[in-house]
Amino acid sequence: MSKRMADWFNGVWRSVSRVGWPVTDKDRAAAMISSLFLHIHAARVSRHVLKPTFTFALGLISGILFLVLSVTGLALMLYYVPYPPEAYRSMKDLQFVVTFGIVLRNMHRWSAHAMVGVVFLHMCRVFWTGSYKAPREFNWVVGVLLLLLTIALSFTGYLLPWDQLAYWAITVGTNIAAYAPMVGDQVKSLLLGGHMIGPMTLLRFYVLHCVILPLAMLLLISLHVWRVRKDGLSGAGVAAPVVEEQAGVFPASTKTYGLMSLTRRPRASVVARDPNEEVFAWPHLLYREIAVALVVIIVLHVVSLIFMAPLEEIADPTRTPNPAKAPWYFLGLQELVHYSALIGGVIVPTLLVLALLMVPYIDRGTAGSGRWFAPERRLANSVFTALAVVLVVLTIIGTFFRGANWAWVWPWK
């Protein structure tokens, strides 16, 4: 390539990237700061962030799965008609007519299921490492809301194939919502667009799944990532938090504006980190993120080529399967509802969600923050782990050990 041609390509690249391909440390820092997509990273990161056993990249994998779902979802919208029975014909066209349509649908389906599980594991990781403590309390709340939105996105998408599995799973799921006292029937009617699943239900679930919930998800993900960028990650590589007033940085003070007095309260800060414990995000962090993304996409392709997303016969309101089961992530609730509709369907999930939202504001101490299963947090970790295990066990029971009339069956018989 001639020097003139090389200079031309270099000019085109610099018009896009502003910095060019980074060679020196100064260029690497500038590349991270000036890039539209990379500026969410700090120019330098602590070495503990690079340890795969600290975060297991669960937050990154969740973001990658959301991106895959967005891309495959937009592609599926080109072939989908949100009206029964055209919706079912759309699924058949994807299976037999559209080139690679079945792989596209499989990737979307398995990514949705994987995202529910990965976001749940991400929340468990944050709790077990005490990473919800100050100054990250609010970001934990955002994470809990993201988990609920992830489940809602998967639930609304469950109906779209309009087959027997989807129809009766949504029937069970909306019936669980109806158990809420005073507002249960109104919530069910709002979801269904009437008293039973029909064209209005499919349209509402389609709009929720493709427009309203993704926009809310994108907003909260942006807020979540921004707070991670501002608050930093907890871990052994970060100095222990101190109170600014004690450190002599910003003493507590009171200012008066008219009739209103504003008090500056001391809050947690972070002592300056040792530069020797930091490395440049480019290439150390960025290349690891690219590698994780490639692995996730390859695994999704392999799974989508081997395992077909379920598609039963077209939905028939006159043929009720026995048993009719909710989506797998609601089977734990369905198992509880089997014993008590009010307690299992309303009281238990409401208390669990409220407890998760209040955890960082109840557990105010900083002991054990940033360490896996710290001895100082043995009680909190034990309670959380017990609840998580119970939820998983109930889900497994509802999936494999319940048969006709919700009777106990052994799956190997």
Protein backbone atom coordinates (compact mmCIF):
# COMPACT_ATOMS: atom_id res chain seq x y z
CA MET A 1 0.00 0.00 0.00
CA SER A 2 1.39 3.38 -0.98
CA LYS A 3 2.09 6.05 1.61
CA ARG A 4 -0.58 8.25 0.07
CA MET A 5 -3.21 5.51 0.39
CA ALA A 6 -2.10 4.75 3.96
CA ASP A 7 -2.41 8.43 4.89
CA TRP A 8 -5.90 8.47 3.37
CA PHE A 9 -7.05 5.47 5.42
CA ASN A 10 -5.46 6.97 8.51
CA GLY A 11 -7.37 10.19 7.92
CA VAL A 12 -10.64 8.30 7.56
CA TRP A 13 -9.96 6.36 10.78
CA ARG A 14 -9.10 9.49 12.71
CA SER A 15 -12.28 11.20 11.48
CA VAL A 16 -14.20 8.37 13.15
CA SER A 17 -12.18 7.67 16.29
CA ARG A 18 -10.63 11.14 16.90
CA VAL A 19 -7.69 9.49 18.67
CA GLY A 20 -6.65 6.80 16.23
CA TRP A 21 -5.38 3.36 17.17
CA PRO A 22 -3.81 3.80 20.62
CA VAL A 23 -0.12 3.02 20.89
CA THR A 24 1.04 4.85 23.99
CA ASP A 25 -0.54 4.86 27.45
CA LYS A 26 -1.68 8.43 26.84
CA ASP A 27 -3.45 7.34 23.65
CA ARG A 28 -5.09 4.42 25.46
CA ALA A 29 -6.47 6.71 28.14
CA ALA A 30 -7.68 9.18 25.52
CA ALA A 31 -9.34 6.37 23.53
CA MET A 32 -11.40 5.28 26.55
CA ILE A 33 -12.40 8.81 27.51
CA SER A 34 -13.28 10.16 24.07
CA SER A 35 -15.18 7.15 22.69
CA LEU A 36 -18.98 7.15 22.68
CA PHE A 37 -19.13 3.48 23.69
CA LEU A 38 -15.97 3.12 25.77
CA HIS A 39 -16.23 6.21 27.96
CA ILE A 40 -18.33 4.27 30.47
CA HIS A 41 -15.03 2.70 31.50
CA ALA A 42 -12.46 4.49 33.56
CA ALA A 43 -9.11 5.07 31.84
CA ARG A 44 -7.49 2.89 34.51
CA VAL A 45 -9.02 0.04 36.50
CA SER A 46 -7.96 -1.86 39.59
CA ARG A 47 -6.35 -5.22 39.07
CA HIS A 48 -9.00 -6.94 41.18
CA VAL A 49 -11.60 -6.01 38.54
CA LEU A 50 -9.76 -8.25 36.09
CA LYS A 51 -9.99 -11.31 38.33
CA PRO A 52 -12.65 -13.56 36.76
CA THR A 53 -13.50 -15.14 40.12
CA PHE A 54 -14.65 -11.84 41.61
CA THR A 55 -17.54 -10.93 39.28
CA PHE A 56 -17.56 -13.94 36.88
CA ALA A 57 -18.47 -11.27 34.28
CA LEU A 58 -22.15 -11.83 35.14
CA GLY A 59 -23.07 -8.16 34.70
CA LEU A 60 -21.27 -8.05 31.35
CA ILE A 61 -22.95 -11.27 30.21
CA SER A 62 -26.34 -9.83 31.16
CA GLY A 63 -25.65 -6.78 29.00
CA ILE A 64 -24.51 -8.94 26.08
CA LEU A 65 -27.66 -11.07 26.33
CA PHE A 66 -29.82 -7.93 26.33
CA LEU A 67 -28.01 -6.75 23.18
CA VAL A 68 -28.53 -10.14 21.51
CA LEU A 69 -32.20 -10.08 22.47
CA SER A 70 -32.60 -6.57 21.05
CA VAL A 71 -30.98 -7.47 17.71
CA THR A 72 -32.78 -10.80 17.28
CA GLY A 73 -36.04 -9.27 18.51
CA LEU A 74 -35.90 -6.51 15.90
CA ALA A 75 -35.26 -9.14 13.21
CA LEU A 76 -38.18 -11.28 14.42
CA MET A 77 -40.50 -8.28 14.32
CA LEU A 78 -40.08 -8.19 10.54
CA TYR A 79 -41.83 -11.57 10.27
CA TYR A 80 -44.27 -11.48 13.16
CA VAL A 81 -47.96 -10.59 13.00
CA PRO A 82 -49.42 -9.86 16.48
CA TYR A 83 -52.86 -11.32 15.83
CA PRO A 84 -54.08 -14.86 16.40
CA PRO A 85 -53.84 -17.18 14.53
CA GLU A 86 -51.42 -15.21 12.32
CA ALA A 87 -48.95 -15.18 15.21
CA TYR A 88 -48.73 -18.97 15.15
CA ARG A 89 -48.32 -18.95 11.35
CA SER A 90 -45.44 -16.52 11.84
CA MET A 91 -43.73 -19.07 14.07
CA LYS A 92 -44.24 -21.78 11.45
CA ASP A 93 -42.84 -19.50 8.74
CA LEU A 94 -39.76 -18.89 10.85
CA GLN A 95 -39.42 -22.63 11.28
CA PHE A 96 -39.88 -23.73 7.68
CA VAL A 97 -39.86 -20.73 5.30
CA VAL A 98 -37.53 -17.96 6.51
CA THR A 99 -33.85 -18.63 5.90
CA PHE A 100 -32.17 -19.29 9.28
CA GLY A 101 -35.46 -18.25 10.88
CA ILE A 102 -35.46 -21.16 13.29
CA VAL A 103 -31.93 -20.30 14.47
CA LEU A 104 -33.00 -16.69 14.94
CA ARG A 105 -35.99 -17.70 17.04
CA ASN A 106 -33.92 -20.21 19.01
CA MET A 107 -31.30 -17.58 19.84
CA HIS A 108 -33.99 -15.19 21.03
CA ARG A 109 -35.72 -17.82 23.14
CA TRP A 110 -32.61 -19.24 24.81
CA SER A 111 -31.10 -15.78 25.35
CA ALA A 112 -34.28 -14.73 27.15
CA HIS A 113 -34.16 -17.74 29.46
CA ALA A 114 -30.43 -17.32 30.00
CA MET A 115 -30.82 -13.65 30.88
CA VAL A 116 -33.29 -14.42 33.67
CA GLY A 117 -30.85 -16.89 35.18
CA VAL A 118 -27.74 -14.73 34.71
CA VAL A 119 -29.34 -11.60 36.20
CA PHE A 120 -30.45 -13.68 39.20
CA LEU A 121 -26.91 -15.04 39.62
CA HIS A 122 -25.52 -11.52 39.25
CA MET A 123 -27.73 -10.35 42.09
CA CYS A 124 -26.58 -13.30 44.22
CA ARG A 125 -22.95 -12.45 43.48
CA VAL A 126 -23.45 -8.82 44.53
CA PHE A 127 -25.06 -9.93 47.79
CA TRP A 128 -22.52 -12.65 48.63
CA THR A 129 -19.67 -10.18 48.13
CA GLY A 130 -21.41 -7.42 50.10
CA SER A 131 -21.14 -5.13 47.09
CA TYR A 132 -24.47 -3.45 47.81
CA LYS A 133 -23.03 -1.49 50.73
CA ALA A 134 -22.31 2.25 50.70
CA PRO A 135 -22.00 4.04 48.37
CA ARG A 136 -23.76 1.49 46.14
CA GLU A 137 -27.10 1.17 47.94
CA PHE A 138 -29.18 2.84 45.24
CA ASN A 139 -27.52 0.83 42.49
CA TRP A 140 -28.61 -2.36 44.29
CA VAL A 141 -32.19 -1.06 44.16
CA VAL A 142 -31.78 -0.41 40.43
CA GLY A 143 -30.46 -3.95 40.04
CA VAL A 144 -33.50 -5.43 41.79
CA LEU A 145 -35.76 -3.44 39.46
CA LEU A 146 -33.77 -4.73 36.49
CA LEU A 147 -34.35 -8.31 37.67
CA LEU A 148 -38.10 -7.65 37.84
CA LEU A 149 -38.05 -6.04 34.39
CA THR A 150 -36.11 -9.02 33.00
CA ILE A 151 -38.77 -11.40 34.29
CA ALA A 152 -41.53 -9.15 32.93
CA LEU A 153 -39.87 -9.05 29.51
CA SER A 154 -39.59 -12.83 29.41
CA PHE A 155 -43.16 -13.25 30.64
CA THR A 156 -44.68 -10.92 28.03
CA GLY A 157 -42.70 -12.62 25.28
CA TYR A 158 -43.88 -16.04 26.40
CA LEU A 159 -47.33 -15.54 24.85
CA LEU A 160 -46.19 -14.37 21.41
CA PRO A 161 -45.81 -17.81 19.76
CA TRP A 162 -49.54 -18.37 20.49
CA ASP A 163 -49.22 -22.11 20.98
CA GLN A 164 -50.69 -24.30 23.71
CA LEU A 165 -47.62 -23.97 25.94
CA ALA A 166 -47.68 -20.16 25.76
CA TYR A 167 -51.43 -19.77 26.10
CA TRP A 168 -51.81 -21.83 29.25
CA ALA A 169 -48.57 -20.63 30.82
CA ILE A 170 -49.84 -17.05 30.58
CA THR A 171 -53.23 -18.19 31.86
CA VAL A 172 -51.61 -19.59 35.00
CA GLY A 173 -49.33 -16.55 35.37
CA THR A 174 -52.15 -14.02 35.16
CA ASN A 175 -54.27 -16.11 37.53
CA ILE A 176 -51.46 -15.85 40.10
CA ALA A 177 -51.55 -12.05 39.70
CA ALA A 178 -55.31 -12.15 40.33
CA TYR A 179 -54.75 -13.46 43.87
CA ALA A 180 -53.64 -9.99 45.02
CA PRO A 181 -56.33 -8.59 47.34
CA MET A 182 -58.43 -5.64 46.14
CA VAL A 183 -56.41 -4.99 42.96
CA GLY A 184 -55.88 -8.54 41.68
CA ASP A 185 -58.84 -8.65 39.31
CA GLN A 186 -58.03 -5.19 37.97
CA VAL A 187 -54.41 -6.17 37.32
CA LYS A 188 -55.49 -9.34 35.52
CA SER A 189 -58.04 -7.43 33.43
CA LEU A 190 -55.44 -4.80 32.56
CA LEU A 191 -53.00 -7.47 31.38
CA LEU A 192 -55.56 -9.46 29.42
CA GLY A 193 -57.48 -6.52 27.98
CA GLY A 194 -60.66 -8.27 29.09
CA HIS A 195 -61.72 -11.35 31.02
CA MET A 196 -59.87 -13.97 28.95
CA ILE A 197 -56.83 -14.28 26.72
CA GLY A 198 -57.60 -13.07 23.22
CA PRO A 199 -56.44 -10.69 20.46
CA MET A 200 -56.26 -7.73 22.85
CA THR A 201 -54.07 -9.73 25.22
CA LEU A 202 -51.66 -10.64 22.44
CA LEU A 203 -51.50 -7.02 21.27
CA ARG A 204 -50.85 -5.71 24.79
CA PHE A 205 -48.16 -8.28 25.46
CA TYR A 206 -46.59 -7.47 22.08
CA VAL A 207 -46.44 -3.73 22.78
CA LEU A 208 -45.16 -4.31 26.31
CA HIS A 209 -42.54 -6.79 25.11
CA CYS A 210 -41.33 -4.81 22.09
CA VAL A 211 -41.66 -1.17 23.15
CA ILE A 212 -42.52 -0.25 26.74
CA LEU A 213 -40.45 -2.75 28.73
CA PRO A 214 -37.33 -2.57 26.49
CA LEU A 215 -37.29 1.23 26.79
CA ALA A 216 -37.62 0.99 30.57
CA MET A 217 -34.90 -1.68 30.58
CA LEU A 218 -32.57 0.48 28.49
CA LEU A 219 -33.10 3.44 30.81
CA LEU A 220 -32.37 1.44 33.96
CA ILE A 221 -29.37 -0.33 32.39
CA SER A 222 -27.91 3.08 31.48
CA LEU A 223 -28.47 4.30 35.03
CA HIS A 224 -27.05 1.07 36.47
CA VAL A 225 -23.86 1.22 34.37
CA TRP A 226 -23.43 4.92 35.09
CA ARG A 227 -23.65 4.32 38.82
CA VAL A 228 -21.13 1.47 38.56
CA ARG A 229 -18.83 3.89 36.75
CA LYS A 230 -19.28 6.58 39.41
CA ASP A 231 -19.40 4.40 42.54
CA GLY A 232 -16.77 1.91 41.42
CA LEU A 233 -16.57 -1.79 42.20
CA SER A 234 -16.00 -3.11 45.67
CA GLY A 235 -13.15 -5.51 46.25
CA ALA A 236 -9.92 -6.26 48.00
CA GLY A 237 -8.04 -4.02 45.60
CA VAL A 238 -9.96 -0.93 46.71
CA ALA A 239 -9.09 0.91 49.87
CA ALA A 240 -11.62 0.68 52.65
CA PRO A 241 -14.20 3.47 52.71
CA VAL A 242 -13.82 6.28 55.21
CA VAL A 243 -16.11 9.08 56.27
CA GLU A 244 -15.19 12.34 54.59
CA GLU A 245 -15.67 14.39 57.76
CA GLN A 246 -13.27 12.16 59.65
CA ALA A 247 -10.81 12.29 56.79
CA GLY A 248 -10.95 16.08 56.90
CA VAL A 249 -12.09 16.37 53.29
CA PHE A 250 -15.55 17.93 53.60
CA PRO A 251 -16.55 18.73 57.19
CA ALA A 252 -20.23 18.69 57.98
CA SER A 253 -21.78 22.10 57.44
CA THR A 254 -25.14 23.80 57.29
CA LYS A 255 -26.25 26.39 54.76
CA THR A 256 -29.43 28.41 54.94
CA TYR A 257 -31.38 29.48 51.89
CA GLY A 258 -34.32 31.61 52.95
CA LEU A 259 -36.53 29.51 55.20
CA MET A 260 -34.88 26.23 54.20
CA SER A 261 -31.78 24.88 55.85
CA LEU A 262 -29.66 22.30 54.05
CA THR A 263 -27.25 20.17 56.06
CA ARG A 264 -24.29 18.54 54.42
CA ARG A 265 -23.90 15.16 56.04
CA PRO A 266 -20.69 13.18 55.98
CA ARG A 267 -20.86 10.31 53.56
CA ALA A 268 -18.67 7.42 52.59
CA SER A 269 -15.79 8.12 50.28
CA VAL A 270 -12.88 6.09 49.04
CA VAL A 271 -9.25 6.60 49.86
CA ALA A 272 -6.99 7.20 46.87
CA ARG A 273 -5.85 3.93 45.34
CA ASP A 274 -2.29 2.89 44.80
CA PRO A 275 -1.41 3.54 41.11
CA ASN A 276 0.64 0.36 41.15
CA GLU A 277 -2.59 -1.58 41.71
CA GLU A 278 -4.18 -0.13 38.56
CA VAL A 279 -3.78 -0.94 34.87
CA PHE A 280 -5.09 0.71 31.74
CA ALA A 281 -8.59 -0.37 30.72
CA TRP A 282 -7.26 -0.60 27.16
CA PRO A 283 -6.23 -3.31 26.51
CA HIS A 284 -6.47 -5.26 29.79
CA LEU A 285 -10.21 -4.85 30.49
CA LEU A 286 -11.45 -4.17 26.96
CA TYR A 287 -9.90 -7.29 25.44
CA ARG A 288 -11.35 -9.45 28.21
CA GLU A 289 -14.80 -8.00 27.55
CA ILE A 290 -14.47 -8.76 23.83
CA ALA A 291 -13.41 -12.33 24.63
CA VAL A 292 -16.42 -12.83 26.95
CA ALA A 293 -18.75 -11.44 24.27
CA LEU A 294 -17.36 -13.84 21.66
CA VAL A 295 -17.72 -16.82 23.99
CA VAL A 296 -21.32 -15.90 24.84
CA ILE A 297 -22.29 -15.47 21.18
CA ILE A 298 -20.59 -18.74 20.17
CA VAL A 299 -22.32 -20.66 22.97
CA LEU A 300 -25.69 -19.16 21.99
CA HIS A 301 -25.17 -20.21 18.38
CA VAL A 302 -24.20 -23.76 19.36
CA VAL A 303 -27.18 -24.10 21.71
CA SER A 304 -29.53 -22.65 19.07
CA LEU A 305 -28.31 -25.13 16.46
CA ILE A 306 -28.67 -28.15 18.76
CA PHE A 307 -31.78 -27.39 20.85
CA MET A 308 -35.02 -26.27 19.24
CA ALA A 309 -37.24 -23.76 21.00
CA PRO A 310 -40.53 -25.48 21.94
CA LEU A 311 -43.53 -24.93 19.70
CA GLU A 312 -46.66 -26.95 20.38
CA GLU A 313 -49.92 -26.95 18.44
CA ILE A 314 -51.86 -23.71 18.03
CA ALA A 315 -53.50 -22.33 21.18
CA ASP A 316 -56.89 -23.87 21.90
CA PRO A 317 -58.89 -22.42 24.82
CA THR A 318 -61.13 -25.51 24.85
CA ARG A 319 -58.26 -27.96 25.53
CA THR A 320 -56.73 -27.45 28.95
CA PRO A 321 -53.45 -29.33 29.53
CA ASN A 322 -53.08 -31.19 32.80
CA PRO A 323 -51.13 -29.81 34.49
CA ALA A 324 -51.08 -26.26 33.14
CA LYS A 325 -47.78 -24.74 34.23
CA ALA A 326 -46.57 -21.16 34.43
CA PRO A 327 -43.21 -20.16 32.84
CA TRP A 328 -40.33 -21.88 34.63
CA TYR A 329 -39.30 -18.80 36.62
CA PHE A 330 -42.80 -18.67 38.14
CA LEU A 331 -43.01 -22.37 38.96
CA GLY A 332 -41.68 -21.73 42.47
CA LEU A 333 -44.58 -19.33 43.03
CA GLN A 334 -47.00 -21.80 41.48
CA GLU A 335 -45.75 -24.44 43.91
CA LEU A 336 -46.40 -22.06 46.82
CA VAL A 337 -49.82 -21.16 45.40
CA HIS A 338 -50.64 -24.86 45.44
CA TYR A 339 -50.50 -24.68 49.24
CA SER A 340 -51.97 -21.20 49.74
CA ALA A 341 -53.03 -18.75 47.03
CA LEU A 342 -52.83 -15.64 49.21
CA ILE A 343 -49.60 -16.51 51.01
CA GLY A 344 -47.80 -18.09 48.07
CA GLY A 345 -49.06 -15.81 45.32
CA VAL A 346 -49.09 -12.44 47.10
CA ILE A 347 -47.59 -12.21 50.57
CA VAL A 348 -44.36 -14.18 50.02
CA PRO A 349 -43.28 -12.53 46.72
CA THR A 350 -44.23 -9.06 47.99
CA LEU A 351 -42.22 -9.48 51.18
CA LEU A 352 -39.25 -10.88 49.24
CA VAL A 353 -39.18 -7.93 46.84
CA LEU A 354 -39.54 -5.39 49.67
CA ALA A 355 -36.79 -7.12 51.65
CA LEU A 356 -34.44 -7.03 48.64
CA LEU A 357 -35.13 -3.33 48.12
CA MET A 358 -34.51 -2.51 51.79
CA VAL A 359 -31.41 -4.69 52.35
CA PRO A 360 -28.76 -1.98 51.73
CA TYR A 361 -30.60 0.49 53.97
CA ILE A 362 -30.96 -2.01 56.82
CA ASP A 363 -27.46 -3.52 56.62
CA ARG A 364 -25.56 -0.22 56.93
CA GLY A 365 -22.23 -1.55 58.13
CA THR A 366 -19.24 -1.73 55.81
CA ALA A 367 -17.70 -4.90 57.28
CA GLY A 368 -17.07 -7.62 54.71
CA SER A 369 -17.75 -5.44 51.68
CA GLY A 370 -16.03 -6.69 48.55
CA ARG A 371 -15.17 -10.18 49.80
CA TRP A 372 -16.84 -13.46 48.98
CA PHE A 373 -18.71 -14.89 52.00
CA ALA A 374 -16.92 -12.65 54.48
CA PRO A 375 -17.08 -14.05 58.05
CA GLU A 376 -18.45 -10.71 59.25
CA ARG A 377 -21.54 -11.30 57.09
CA ARG A 378 -22.12 -14.96 57.91
CA LEU A 379 -25.70 -14.45 59.14
CA ALA A 380 -26.82 -12.27 56.22
CA ASN A 381 -25.25 -14.61 53.67
CA SER A 382 -26.78 -17.65 55.35
CA VAL A 383 -30.31 -16.19 55.29
CA PHE A 384 -29.99 -15.04 51.66
CA THR A 385 -28.51 -18.37 50.55
CA ALA A 386 -31.27 -20.32 52.30
CA LEU A 387 -33.96 -18.25 50.54
CA ALA A 388 -32.22 -18.66 47.17
CA VAL A 389 -31.92 -22.43 47.66
CA VAL A 390 -35.60 -22.71 48.63
CA LEU A 391 -36.59 -20.78 45.50
CA VAL A 392 -34.44 -23.01 43.28
CA VAL A 393 -35.73 -26.20 44.93
CA LEU A 394 -39.36 -25.11 44.54
CA THR A 395 -38.71 -24.30 40.87
CA ILE A 396 -37.17 -27.73 40.31
CA ILE A 397 -40.11 -29.41 42.05
CA GLY A 398 -42.63 -27.50 39.93
CA THR A 399 -40.71 -28.33 36.76
CA PHE A 400 -40.00 -32.03 37.17
CA PHE A 401 -41.99 -33.43 40.09
CA ARG A 402 -45.54 -32.24 39.39
CA GLY A 403 -47.90 -34.14 37.13
CA ALA A 404 -51.64 -34.28 36.43
CA ASN A 405 -53.72 -32.36 38.99
CA TRP A 406 -50.42 -31.11 40.42
CA ALA A 407 -49.82 -34.49 42.00
CA TRP A 408 -46.32 -35.56 42.96
CA VAL A 409 -44.61 -37.68 40.28
CA TRP A 410 -41.13 -39.08 39.94
CA PRO A 411 -39.64 -37.83 36.66
CA TRP A 412 -37.65 -41.02 36.03
CA LYS A 413 -40.76 -43.20 36.08
